[in-house]
Amino acid sequence: MTVFATVIGALNVGFLQTLKLFAVTLLGAIPLGLVISFGSMSRFSPLRYLTKLVVWVIRGTPLMLQLIIMFYIPGYFLPGGSPWPGGESGRFLASSIAFIINYSCYFSEIYRGGIQGIPVGQQEAGQVLGMTKRQIFFKVTLLQMIKRIIPPMSNEIITLVKDTSIARIIALQELIWAGYAFLKGSHGYSGLIWPLFFTGIYYLIFNGVLTLFFGWVERKLDYFR
């Protein structure tokens, strides 16, 4: 029982770090993705091509590689060394920025597809009624876009839950790190493999809650059909 209590305590600490990274990524990536989608649809060609190039690079390279570059590379070029604070806080900050940039690019393409999927006739009808572009976007396009993008967004968000485990590549002590620690001899125990499998239960429960939540959101938005 002592071993079990120690394992659960460590996994809870790691899961809290996973939750923090998940929440910070969503808070940053959801609005930033919308901004990037506007850049991808801009009528100003240089901005549109530059935005699409950045999105292509981010989506075309592994998140693990982006994490390594974000955490280690600045220290080689900045005169003051690494810009990140020492310890766990620096790893968390670097991970958060890398995750936000990565997921905002994926979200931007979902936003773009949702916006461009709204029939042009509805925007023209809004213009006939004397609505401004801002009013048309928020009162006509946005609500219908939300309905369209919920399934792909929910898929990406559930993927994000699992992708947080990649942060262990720069030694961020998230859930997988906490479970693996018992295998390599931390906490006074070594060779314990079952804590690593217990981490799967945390992910399953968390993703189950998210699945139920997004199902409820989809049902609430059924009136757009």
Protein backbone atom coordinates (compact mmCIF):
# COMPACT_ATOMS: atom_id res chain seq x y z
CA MET A 1 0.00 0.00 0.00
CA THR A 2 2.90 2.35 0.68
CA VAL A 3 4.28 1.80 -2.81
CA PHE A 4 0.82 2.30 -4.35
CA ALA A 5 0.28 5.55 -2.44
CA THR A 6 3.71 6.82 -3.52
CA VAL A 7 3.00 5.97 -7.16
CA ILE A 8 -0.44 7.59 -7.19
CA GLY A 9 0.94 10.71 -5.50
CA ALA A 10 3.68 11.04 -8.12
CA LEU A 11 1.27 10.39 -10.99
CA ASN A 12 -1.12 13.03 -9.64
CA VAL A 13 1.69 15.60 -9.62
CA GLY A 14 2.64 14.66 -13.18
CA PHE A 15 -0.99 14.79 -14.28
CA LEU A 16 -1.35 18.31 -12.88
CA GLN A 17 1.60 19.38 -15.01
CA THR A 18 -0.05 17.74 -18.02
CA LEU A 19 -3.28 19.62 -17.28
CA LYS A 20 -1.41 22.91 -17.00
CA LEU A 21 0.31 22.41 -20.35
CA PHE A 22 -2.98 21.36 -21.94
CA ALA A 23 -4.86 24.39 -20.61
CA VAL A 24 -2.15 26.93 -21.48
CA THR A 25 -1.86 25.50 -25.01
CA LEU A 26 -5.59 25.83 -25.62
CA LEU A 27 -5.76 29.35 -24.18
CA GLY A 28 -3.00 30.46 -26.52
CA ALA A 29 -3.63 28.36 -29.63
CA ILE A 30 -7.38 28.88 -30.04
CA PRO A 31 -7.24 32.69 -30.52
CA LEU A 32 -3.85 32.63 -32.28
CA GLY A 33 -5.13 30.02 -34.72
CA LEU A 34 -8.00 32.35 -35.69
CA VAL A 35 -5.53 35.19 -36.32
CA ILE A 36 -3.34 32.92 -38.46
CA SER A 37 -6.37 31.79 -40.45
CA PHE A 38 -7.10 35.44 -41.32
CA GLY A 39 -3.51 35.72 -42.55
CA SER A 40 -3.98 32.61 -44.71
CA MET A 41 -7.08 34.15 -46.29
CA SER A 42 -5.70 37.68 -46.60
CA ARG A 43 -6.03 39.47 -49.91
CA PHE A 44 -2.54 40.91 -49.33
CA SER A 45 -0.47 38.35 -51.21
CA PRO A 46 2.87 38.66 -49.30
CA LEU A 47 1.09 38.16 -45.97
CA ARG A 48 -0.95 35.24 -47.33
CA TYR A 49 2.08 33.45 -48.77
CA LEU A 50 4.21 34.06 -45.67
CA THR A 51 1.46 32.74 -43.39
CA LYS A 52 0.96 29.65 -45.53
CA LEU A 53 4.72 29.04 -45.54
CA VAL A 54 4.90 29.17 -41.74
CA VAL A 55 1.88 26.87 -41.40
CA TRP A 56 3.41 24.44 -43.90
CA VAL A 57 6.71 24.31 -41.99
CA ILE A 58 5.08 23.85 -38.58
CA ARG A 59 2.64 21.19 -39.78
CA GLY A 60 5.32 19.44 -41.82
CA THR A 61 7.87 18.96 -39.02
CA PRO A 62 7.57 16.85 -35.83
CA LEU A 63 6.44 18.55 -32.65
CA MET A 64 9.31 16.82 -30.85
CA LEU A 65 11.82 18.54 -33.13
CA GLN A 66 10.12 21.90 -32.57
CA LEU A 67 10.36 21.39 -28.80
CA ILE A 68 14.07 20.64 -28.99
CA ILE A 69 14.70 23.67 -31.19
CA MET A 70 12.61 25.93 -28.97
CA PHE A 71 14.38 24.88 -25.77
CA TYR A 72 18.00 24.39 -26.85
CA ILE A 73 18.73 26.44 -29.98
CA PRO A 74 18.23 30.02 -28.60
CA GLY A 75 21.03 29.43 -26.09
CA TYR A 76 23.51 28.93 -28.94
CA PHE A 77 22.79 32.26 -30.60
CA LEU A 78 21.79 34.71 -27.85
CA PRO A 79 24.74 36.45 -26.18
CA GLY A 80 23.28 35.92 -22.71
CA GLY A 81 22.78 32.20 -23.19
CA SER A 82 19.43 30.45 -22.85
CA PRO A 83 16.46 32.82 -22.46
CA TRP A 84 14.51 30.30 -20.41
CA PRO A 85 14.39 30.40 -16.61
CA GLY A 86 16.17 27.59 -14.84
CA GLY A 87 14.49 24.42 -13.68
CA GLU A 88 10.97 23.21 -14.31
CA SER A 89 9.54 26.67 -14.97
CA GLY A 90 11.86 27.21 -17.95
CA ARG A 91 10.99 23.83 -19.44
CA PHE A 92 7.29 24.50 -18.99
CA LEU A 93 7.54 27.93 -20.62
CA ALA A 94 9.45 26.58 -23.63
CA SER A 95 7.02 23.67 -23.97
CA SER A 96 4.01 25.98 -23.78
CA ILE A 97 5.29 28.27 -26.53
CA ALA A 98 6.18 25.35 -28.81
CA PHE A 99 2.79 23.70 -28.26
CA ILE A 100 0.89 26.95 -28.80
CA ILE A 101 2.68 27.66 -32.09
CA ASN A 102 2.21 24.08 -33.29
CA TYR A 103 -1.47 23.75 -32.46
CA SER A 104 -2.39 27.26 -33.56
CA CYS A 105 -1.21 26.32 -37.08
CA TYR A 106 -3.39 23.19 -37.07
CA PHE A 107 -6.35 25.12 -35.66
CA SER A 108 -5.88 27.84 -38.31
CA GLU A 109 -6.53 25.37 -41.10
CA ILE A 110 -9.65 24.13 -39.34
CA TYR A 111 -10.86 27.70 -38.93
CA ARG A 112 -10.10 28.49 -42.56
CA GLY A 113 -12.06 25.48 -43.76
CA GLY A 114 -14.99 26.39 -41.51
CA ILE A 115 -15.09 30.01 -42.65
CA GLN A 116 -14.72 29.24 -46.34
CA GLY A 117 -17.36 26.52 -46.04
CA ILE A 118 -20.08 29.07 -45.26
CA PRO A 119 -22.05 29.85 -48.45
CA VAL A 120 -21.08 33.22 -49.95
CA GLY A 121 -24.76 33.98 -50.48
CA GLN A 122 -25.24 34.41 -46.73
CA GLN A 123 -22.56 37.10 -46.60
CA GLU A 124 -24.10 38.81 -49.61
CA ALA A 125 -27.49 38.71 -47.89
CA GLY A 126 -25.95 40.40 -44.87
CA GLN A 127 -24.51 43.12 -47.07
CA VAL A 128 -27.93 43.68 -48.66
CA LEU A 129 -29.38 44.13 -45.16
CA GLY A 130 -26.80 46.83 -44.48
CA MET A 131 -24.61 44.83 -42.11
CA THR A 132 -20.93 45.67 -41.79
CA LYS A 133 -18.21 43.06 -42.42
CA ARG A 134 -17.67 42.82 -38.67
CA GLN A 135 -21.38 42.21 -38.04
CA ILE A 136 -21.56 39.62 -40.82
CA PHE A 137 -18.59 37.73 -39.37
CA PHE A 138 -19.79 37.66 -35.76
CA LYS A 139 -23.54 37.29 -36.36
CA VAL A 140 -23.64 35.16 -39.51
CA THR A 141 -20.32 33.40 -40.17
CA LEU A 142 -18.86 32.73 -36.71
CA LEU A 143 -21.73 30.78 -35.16
CA GLN A 144 -22.13 28.53 -38.20
CA MET A 145 -18.36 28.08 -38.37
CA ILE A 146 -18.30 26.87 -34.75
CA LYS A 147 -20.84 24.18 -35.60
CA ARG A 148 -18.76 23.00 -38.54
CA ILE A 149 -15.41 22.93 -36.76
CA ILE A 150 -16.42 21.20 -33.50
CA PRO A 151 -15.69 17.62 -34.77
CA PRO A 152 -12.19 18.36 -36.19
CA MET A 153 -11.34 20.67 -33.27
CA SER A 154 -12.37 18.05 -30.73
CA ASN A 155 -10.15 15.53 -32.52
CA GLU A 156 -7.16 17.88 -32.35
CA ILE A 157 -7.80 18.71 -28.69
CA ILE A 158 -7.94 15.03 -27.75
CA THR A 159 -4.70 14.54 -29.67
CA LEU A 160 -3.23 17.43 -27.65
CA VAL A 161 -3.90 15.53 -24.41
CA LYS A 162 -1.68 12.71 -25.63
CA ASP A 163 0.91 14.97 -27.27
CA THR A 164 1.69 16.60 -23.92
CA SER A 165 3.74 13.47 -23.21
CA ILE A 166 6.22 14.61 -25.87
CA ALA A 167 7.33 17.38 -23.50
CA ARG A 168 9.33 14.82 -21.57
CA ILE A 169 11.95 15.08 -24.37
CA ILE A 170 13.17 18.28 -22.67
CA ALA A 171 12.72 16.74 -19.19
CA LEU A 172 9.39 18.39 -18.36
CA GLN A 173 8.03 16.25 -15.52
CA GLU A 174 4.57 15.51 -16.90
CA LEU A 175 2.51 12.34 -16.49
CA ILE A 176 4.61 9.93 -18.57
CA TRP A 177 7.78 11.22 -16.93
CA ALA A 178 6.24 10.54 -13.50
CA GLY A 179 5.36 6.95 -14.45
CA TYR A 180 8.71 6.26 -16.08
CA ALA A 181 10.57 7.53 -13.00
CA PHE A 182 9.65 4.37 -11.08
CA LEU A 183 11.22 2.24 -13.80
CA LYS A 184 14.60 3.99 -13.68
CA GLY A 185 14.96 4.18 -9.89
CA SER A 186 13.39 7.42 -8.66
CA HIS A 187 11.37 7.76 -5.44
CA GLY A 188 13.40 4.94 -3.88
CA TYR A 189 11.99 2.29 -6.23
CA SER A 190 13.39 0.80 -9.43
CA GLY A 191 12.19 -1.66 -12.04
CA LEU A 192 8.48 -0.91 -11.45
CA ILE A 193 6.77 -1.01 -14.84
CA TRP A 194 3.12 -0.99 -13.71
CA PRO A 195 3.10 2.76 -12.83
CA LEU A 196 3.84 3.48 -16.49
CA PHE A 197 0.75 1.52 -17.53
CA PHE A 198 -1.30 3.37 -14.92
CA THR A 199 -0.64 6.59 -16.82
CA GLY A 200 -2.87 5.22 -19.58
CA ILE A 201 -5.82 5.22 -17.16
CA TYR A 202 -5.33 8.94 -16.55
CA TYR A 203 -5.31 9.65 -20.30
CA LEU A 204 -8.34 7.44 -20.93
CA ILE A 205 -10.40 9.13 -18.21
CA PHE A 206 -9.41 12.64 -19.30
CA ASN A 207 -10.12 11.92 -22.96
CA GLY A 208 -13.40 10.26 -22.00
CA VAL A 209 -14.50 13.42 -20.20
CA LEU A 210 -13.51 15.54 -23.21
CA THR A 211 -15.39 13.21 -25.59
CA LEU A 212 -18.57 13.52 -23.50
CA PHE A 213 -18.15 17.29 -23.34
CA PHE A 214 -17.74 17.75 -27.09
CA GLY A 215 -20.68 15.41 -27.73
CA TRP A 216 -22.78 17.65 -25.49
CA VAL A 217 -21.58 20.76 -27.36
CA GLU A 218 -22.50 19.20 -30.71
CA ARG A 219 -25.99 18.42 -29.46
CA LYS A 220 -26.40 21.99 -28.25
CA LEU A 221 -25.48 23.30 -31.69
CA ASP A 222 -27.95 21.05 -33.54
CA TYR A 223 -30.25 24.01 -34.19
CA PHE A 224 -27.90 25.09 -37.03
CA ARG A 225 -28.95 22.05 -39.08
